[in-house]
PDB file of N, CA and C in Angstrom:
ATOM      1  N   MET A   1      42.536 -10.111  24.185  1.00  0.00           N
ATOM      2  CA  MET A   1      42.057  -9.374  23.503  1.00  0.00           C
ATOM      3  C   MET A   1      41.204  -8.520  24.159  1.00  0.00           C
ATOM      4  N   ILE A   2      40.196  -9.395  23.828  1.00  0.00           N
ATOM      5  CA  ILE A   2      38.475  -9.315  23.572  1.00  0.00           C
ATOM      6  C   ILE A   2      38.123  -8.239  24.767  1.00  0.00           C
ATOM      7  N   GLU A   3      38.771  -9.288  26.611  1.00  0.00           N
ATOM      8  CA  GLU A   3      38.583  -8.945  27.434  1.00  0.00           C
ATOM      9  C   GLU A   3      38.338  -7.458  27.922  1.00  0.00           C
ATOM     10  N   PRO A   4      39.825  -6.872  27.320  1.00  0.00           N
ATOM     11  CA  PRO A   4      39.761  -5.125  27.540  1.00  0.00           C
ATOM     12  C   PRO A   4      39.037  -4.045  27.349  1.00  0.00           C
ATOM     13  N   PHE A   5      38.992  -4.894  25.841  1.00  0.00           N
ATOM     14  CA  PHE A   5      37.641  -3.879  25.296  1.00  0.00           C
ATOM     15  C   PHE A   5      36.731  -3.961  25.705  1.00  0.00           C
ATOM     16  N   SER A   6      35.744  -5.260  25.945  1.00  0.00           N
ATOM     17  CA  SER A   6      34.430  -5.067  26.900  1.00  0.00           C
ATOM     18  C   SER A   6      34.606  -4.564  27.941  1.00  0.00           C
ATOM     19  N   ALA A   7      35.868  -4.672  28.840  1.00  0.00           N
ATOM     20  CA  ALA A   7      35.319  -4.309  30.214  1.00  0.00           C
ATOM     21  C   ALA A   7      35.563  -2.729  29.969  1.00  0.00           C
ATOM     22  N   TRP A   8      36.371  -2.037  28.775  1.00  0.00           N
ATOM     23  CA  TRP A   8      36.281  -0.001  28.758  1.00  0.00           C
ATOM     24  C   TRP A   8      34.737  -0.234  27.645  1.00  0.00           C
ATOM     25  N   ILE A   9      34.383  -0.964  27.127  1.00  0.00           N
ATOM     26  CA  ILE A   9      32.959  -0.836  26.985  1.00  0.00           C
ATOM     27  C   ILE A   9      32.178  -0.464  27.491  1.00  0.00           C
ATOM     28  N   ASP A  10      32.025  -1.913  29.148  1.00  0.00           N
ATOM     29  CA  ASP A  10      31.295  -1.414  29.963  1.00  0.00           C
ATOM     30  C   ASP A  10      31.229  -0.081  31.368  1.00  0.00           C
ATOM     31  N   PHE A  11      33.013   0.234  30.801  1.00  0.00           N
ATOM     32  CA  PHE A  11      32.580   1.330  32.095  1.00  0.00           C
ATOM     33  C   PHE A  11      32.211   2.663  31.046  1.00  0.00           C
ATOM     34  N   GLN A  12      32.693   2.510  29.875  1.00  0.00           N
ATOM     35  CA  GLN A  12      31.698   3.472  29.158  1.00  0.00           C
ATOM     36  C   GLN A  12      30.330   3.541  28.712  1.00  0.00           C
ATOM     37  N   GLU A  13      29.938   2.241  29.268  1.00  0.00           N
ATOM     38  CA  GLU A  13      28.056   2.499  29.238  1.00  0.00           C
ATOM     39  C   GLU A  13      28.001   3.533  30.490  1.00  0.00           C
ATOM     40  N   GLN A  14      28.705   3.127  31.812  1.00  0.00           N
ATOM     41  CA  GLN A  14      28.264   3.353  33.498  1.00  0.00           C
ATOM     42  C   GLN A  14      29.231   4.836  33.195  1.00  0.00           C
ATOM     43  N   MET A  15      29.593   5.295  32.438  1.00  0.00           N
ATOM     44  CA  MET A  15      30.014   6.394  32.720  1.00  0.00           C
ATOM     45  C   MET A  15      28.810   7.598  32.030  1.00  0.00           C
ATOM     46  N   ILE A  16      28.073   6.866  30.579  1.00  0.00           N
ATOM     47  CA  ILE A  16      27.005   7.552  30.644  1.00  0.00           C
ATOM     48  C   ILE A  16      25.569   7.192  31.235  1.00  0.00           C
ATOM     49  N   GLU A  17      25.842   5.988  31.740  1.00  0.00           N
ATOM     50  CA  GLU A  17      24.194   6.361  32.738  1.00  0.00           C
ATOM     51  C   GLU A  17      24.927   7.472  34.056  1.00  0.00           C
ATOM     52  N   LEU A  18      25.889   7.356  34.498  1.00  0.00           N
ATOM     53  CA  LEU A  18      26.245   8.267  35.637  1.00  0.00           C
ATOM     54  C   LEU A  18      25.987  10.379  34.947  1.00  0.00           C
ATOM     55  N   GLN A  19      26.366  10.217  33.854  1.00  0.00           N
ATOM     56  CA  GLN A  19      25.721  11.830  33.031  1.00  0.00           C
ATOM     57  C   GLN A  19      24.825  11.315  33.135  1.00  0.00           C
ATOM     58  N   ARG A  20      23.745  10.590  32.218  1.00  0.00           N
ATOM     59  CA  ARG A  20      22.364  10.283  32.179  1.00  0.00           C
ATOM     60  C   ARG A  20      21.677  11.566  33.698  1.00  0.00           C
ATOM     61  N   ALA A  21      22.373  10.488  34.928  1.00  0.00           N
ATOM     62  CA  ALA A  21      21.615  10.443  36.420  1.00  0.00           C
ATOM     63  C   ALA A  21      22.068  12.110  36.933  1.00  0.00           C
ATOM     64  N   GLN A  22      23.256  12.597  36.289  1.00  0.00           N
ATOM     65  CA  GLN A  22      23.731  13.731  36.537  1.00  0.00           C
ATOM     66  C   GLN A  22      22.889  14.473  36.057  1.00  0.00           C
ATOM     67  N   LEU A  23      22.621  14.523  34.921  1.00  0.00           N
ATOM     68  CA  LEU A  23      21.518  15.760  34.238  1.00  0.00           C
ATOM     69  C   LEU A  23      20.005  15.672  34.480  1.00  0.00           C
ATOM     70  N   GLU A  24      19.802  14.474  34.966  1.00  0.00           N
ATOM     71  CA  GLU A  24      17.730  14.334  35.523  1.00  0.00           C
ATOM     72  C   GLU A  24      18.740  15.171  37.130  1.00  0.00           C
ATOM     73  N   ALA A  25      19.258  14.573  37.916  1.00  0.00           N
ATOM     74  CA  ALA A  25      19.419  15.022  38.982  1.00  0.00           C
ATOM     75  C   ALA A  25      19.593  17.192  38.940  1.00  0.00           C
ATOM     76  N   THR A  26      19.783  17.237  37.691  1.00  0.00           N
ATOM     77  CA  THR A  26      19.508  18.945  37.856  1.00  0.00           C
ATOM     78  C   THR A  26      18.144  19.209  37.594  1.00  0.00           C
ATOM     79  N   LYS A  27      18.370  18.590  36.707  1.00  0.00           N
ATOM     80  CA  LYS A  27      16.548  19.118  35.721  1.00  0.00           C
ATOM     81  C   LYS A  27      15.676  19.635  37.863  1.00  0.00           C
ATOM     82  N   ARG A  28      15.750  18.444  37.891  1.00  0.00           N
ATOM     83  CA  ARG A  28      15.340  18.114  39.304  1.00  0.00           C
ATOM     84  C   ARG A  28      15.164  19.545  40.277  1.00  0.00           C
ATOM     85  N   ALA A  29      16.978  19.728  40.604  1.00  0.00           N
ATOM     86  CA  ALA A  29      16.885  20.797  41.081  1.00  0.00           C
ATOM     87  C   ALA A  29      16.831  22.159  40.233  1.00  0.00           C
ATOM     88  N   ILE A  30      16.612  23.050  39.554  1.00  0.00           N
ATOM     89  CA  ILE A  30      16.572  23.777  38.897  1.00  0.00           C
ATOM     90  C   ILE A  30      14.632  23.723  39.029  1.00  0.00           C
ATOM     91  N   LYS A  31      14.418  22.912  38.552  1.00  0.00           N
ATOM     92  CA  LYS A  31      12.488  22.707  39.048  1.00  0.00           C
ATOM     93  C   LYS A  31      12.610  23.504  40.640  1.00  0.00           C
ATOM     94  N   ALA A  32      13.119  22.800  41.109  1.00  0.00           N
ATOM     95  CA  ALA A  32      12.723  22.648  42.976  1.00  0.00           C
ATOM     96  C   ALA A  32      13.126  24.620  43.080  1.00  0.00           C
ATOM     97  N   GLY A  33      14.416  24.737  41.670  1.00  0.00           N
ATOM     98  CA  GLY A  33      14.789  26.364  42.272  1.00  0.00           C
ATOM     99  C   GLY A  33      13.922  27.544  42.196  1.00  0.00           C
ATOM    100  N   SER A  34      12.778  26.519  41.244  1.00  0.00           N
ATOM    101  CA  SER A  34      11.723  27.527  40.576  1.00  0.00           C
ATOM    102  C   SER A  34      10.600  27.581  41.316  1.00  0.00           C
ATOM    103  N   ASP A  35      10.816  26.891  42.147  1.00  0.00           N
ATOM    104  CA  ASP A  35       9.379  26.273  42.973  1.00  0.00           C
ATOM    105  C   ASP A  35      10.211  27.108  43.694  1.00  0.00           C
ATOM    106  N   MET A  36      11.218  27.368  44.464  1.00  0.00           N
ATOM    107  CA  MET A  36      11.258  27.803  45.548  1.00  0.00           C
ATOM    108  C   MET A  36      11.135  29.884  44.983  1.00  0.00           C
ATOM    109  N   ILE A  37      11.953  29.839  44.524  1.00  0.00           N
ATOM    110  CA  ILE A  37      11.157  30.883  43.270  1.00  0.00           C
ATOM    111  C   ILE A  37       9.786  31.922  43.298  1.00  0.00           C
ATOM    112  N   ASP A  38       9.100  30.498  43.138  1.00  0.00           N
ATOM    113  CA  ASP A  38       6.707  30.737  43.225  1.00  0.00           C
ATOM    114  C   ASP A  38       6.901  31.334  44.686  1.00  0.00           C
ATOM    115  N   ALA A  39       7.215  30.197  45.119  1.00  0.00           N
ATOM    116  CA  ALA A  39       6.912  30.214  46.721  1.00  0.00           C
ATOM    117  C   ALA A  39       7.620  31.622  47.706  1.00  0.00           C
ATOM    118  N   GLN A  40       8.351  31.572  46.828  1.00  0.00           N
ATOM    119  CA  GLN A  40       8.811  33.267  47.731  1.00  0.00           C
ATOM    120  C   GLN A  40       7.748  34.536  47.436  1.00  0.00           C
ATOM    121  N   LYS A  41       7.775  33.958  45.960  1.00  0.00           N
ATOM    122  CA  LYS A  41       7.067  35.539  45.592  1.00  0.00           C
ATOM    123  C   LYS A  41       5.205  35.473  46.212  1.00  0.00           C
ATOM    124  N   ALA A  42       5.105  34.392  45.863  1.00  0.00           N
ATOM    125  CA  ALA A  42       3.792  33.638  46.597  1.00  0.00           C
ATOM    126  C   ALA A  42       3.399  34.610  48.548  1.00  0.00           C
ATOM    127  N   ALA A  43       4.871  34.052  49.149  1.00  0.00           N
ATOM    128  CA  ALA A  43       5.309  35.136  50.518  1.00  0.00           C
ATOM    129  C   ALA A  43       4.622  36.029  51.072  1.00  0.00           C
ATOM    130  N   GLU A  44       5.683  36.738  49.453  1.00  0.00           N
ATOM    131  CA  GLU A  44       5.458  38.314  49.424  1.00  0.00           C
ATOM    132  C   GLU A  44       4.270  39.015  49.617  1.00  0.00           C
ATOM    133  N   GLN A  45       3.529  38.581  48.338  1.00  0.00           N
ATOM    134  CA  GLN A  45       2.514  38.823  48.072  1.00  0.00           C
ATOM    135  C   GLN A  45       1.426  38.446  49.148  1.00  0.00           C
ATOM    136  N   ALA A  46       1.183  37.813  50.218  1.00  0.00           N
ATOM    137  CA  ALA A  46       0.701  37.575  51.429  1.00  0.00           C
ATOM    138  C   ALA A  46       0.937  38.466  52.200  1.00  0.00           C
ATOM    139  N   ALA A  47       2.303  38.488  52.503  1.00  0.00           N
ATOM    140  CA  ALA A  47       2.520  39.791  53.780  1.00  0.00           C
ATOM    141  C   ALA A  47       1.623  41.474  53.025  1.00  0.00           C
ATOM    142  N   LYS A  48       2.998  41.143  51.894  1.00  0.00           N
ATOM    143  CA  LYS A  48       1.802  43.010  51.406  1.00  0.00           C
ATOM    144  C   LYS A  48       0.510  42.875  51.270  1.00  0.00           C
ATOM    145  N   ALA A  49      -0.628  41.222  51.434  1.00  0.00           N
ATOM    146  CA  ALA A  49      -1.959  41.507  51.732  1.00  0.00           C
ATOM    147  C   ALA A  49      -2.367  41.341  52.767  1.00  0.00           C
ATOM    148  N   ASN A  50      -1.607  40.738  53.770  1.00  0.00           N
ATOM    149  CA  ASN A  50      -1.594  41.317  55.393  1.00  0.00           C
ATOM    150  C   ASN A  50      -1.566  42.738  55.726  1.00  0.00           C
ATOM    151  N   ILE A  51      -0.471  42.980  56.065  1.00  0.00           N
ATOM    152  CA  ILE A  51      -0.458  44.133  55.390  1.00  0.00           C
ATOM    153  C   ILE A  51      -1.450  45.726  55.047  1.00  0.00           C
ATOM    154  N   ARG A  52      -1.929  45.307  53.733  1.00  0.00           N
ATOM    155  CA  ARG A  52      -3.192  46.218  53.677  1.00  0.00           C
ATOM    156  C   ARG A  52      -4.545  46.095  54.592  1.00  0.00           C
ATOM    157  N   ALA A  53      -4.323  44.668  55.063  1.00  0.00           N
ATOM    158  CA  ALA A  53      -5.013  43.953  55.738  1.00  0.00           C
ATOM    159  C   ALA A  53      -5.095  44.760  57.229  1.00  0.00           C
ATOM    160  N   TRP A  54      -4.058  44.904  57.722  1.00  0.00           N
ATOM    161  CA  TRP A  54      -4.053  44.897  59.049  1.00  0.00           C
ATOM    162  C   TRP A  54      -4.164  47.182  58.983  1.00  0.00           C
ATOM    163  N   GLN A  55      -3.663  47.401  57.778  1.00  0.00           N
ATOM    164  CA  GLN A  55      -4.122  48.892  57.492  1.00  0.00           C
ATOM    165  C   GLN A  55      -5.335  49.267  57.334  1.00  0.00           C
ATOM    166  N   SER A  56      -6.360  48.423  56.760  1.00  0.00           N
ATOM    167  CA  SER A  56      -7.614  48.791  56.691  1.00  0.00           C
ATOM    168  C   SER A  56      -7.915  48.201  58.008  1.00  0.00           C
ATOM    169  N   TRP A  57      -8.510  47.720  58.931  1.00  0.00           N
ATOM    170  CA  TRP A  57      -8.656  47.000  60.071  1.00  0.00           C
ATOM    171  C   TRP A  57      -8.559  48.283  60.997  1.00  0.00           C
ATOM    172  N   LEU A  58      -6.744  48.823  61.147  1.00  0.00           N
ATOM    173  CA  LEU A  58      -6.952  50.436  61.652  1.00  0.00           C
ATOM    174  C   LEU A  58      -7.726  51.604  61.481  1.00  0.00           C
ATOM    175  N   ASP A  59      -7.028  51.577  60.270  1.00  0.00           N
ATOM    176  CA  ASP A  59      -8.455  52.720  60.238  1.00  0.00           C
ATOM    177  C   ASP A  59      -9.708  52.363  59.915  1.00  0.00           C
ATOM    178  N   LEU A  60     -10.129  51.456  60.061  1.00  0.00           N
ATOM    179  CA  LEU A  60     -12.114  51.342  60.035  1.00  0.00           C
ATOM    180  C   LEU A  60     -11.966  51.532  61.726  1.00  0.00           C
ATOM    181  N   TRP A  61     -11.006  51.041  62.933  1.00  0.00           N
ATOM    182  CA  TRP A  61     -11.316  51.558  64.301  1.00  0.00           C
ATOM    183  C   TRP A  61     -10.402  52.699  64.856  1.00  0.00           C
ATOM    184  N   LYS A  62      -9.982  53.388  63.983  1.00  0.00           N
ATOM    185  CA  LYS A  62      -9.379  54.468  64.217  1.00  0.00           C
ATOM    186  C   LYS A  62     -10.255  55.861  64.723  1.00  0.00           C
ATOM    187  N   PRO A  63      -9.209  56.612  66.224  1.00  0.00           N
ATOM    188  CA  PRO A  63     -11.255  57.327  66.554  1.00  0.00           C
ATOM    189  C   PRO A  63     -11.157  59.031  65.389  1.00  0.00           C
ATOM    190  N   ARG A  64     -12.542  59.322  64.886  1.00  0.00           N
ATOM    191  CA  ARG A  64     -12.072  59.924  64.194  1.00  0.00           C
ATOM    192  C   ARG A  64     -12.833  61.692  64.867  1.00  0.00           C
ATOM    193  N   ARG A  65     -12.209  62.155  64.396  1.00  0.00           N
ATOM    194  CA  ARG A  65     -12.485  63.625  65.286  1.00  0.00           C
ATOM    195  C   ARG A  65     -13.620  64.656  64.386  1.00  0.00           C
TER     196      ARG A  65
END
């Protein structure tokens, strides 16, 4: 009678470990999503800066009347 109970406890411990691993994976995914948003914002800022730089360069070289 002890053996089935032992197996059940082992199963429950494995389930707890699995849930801990799922929580850890979720934390990493959330962090990766946050990092992706930061990267997208930085890329947008770089693109806007590039546009401003080109506009300034064109203003510098456009013919004066």
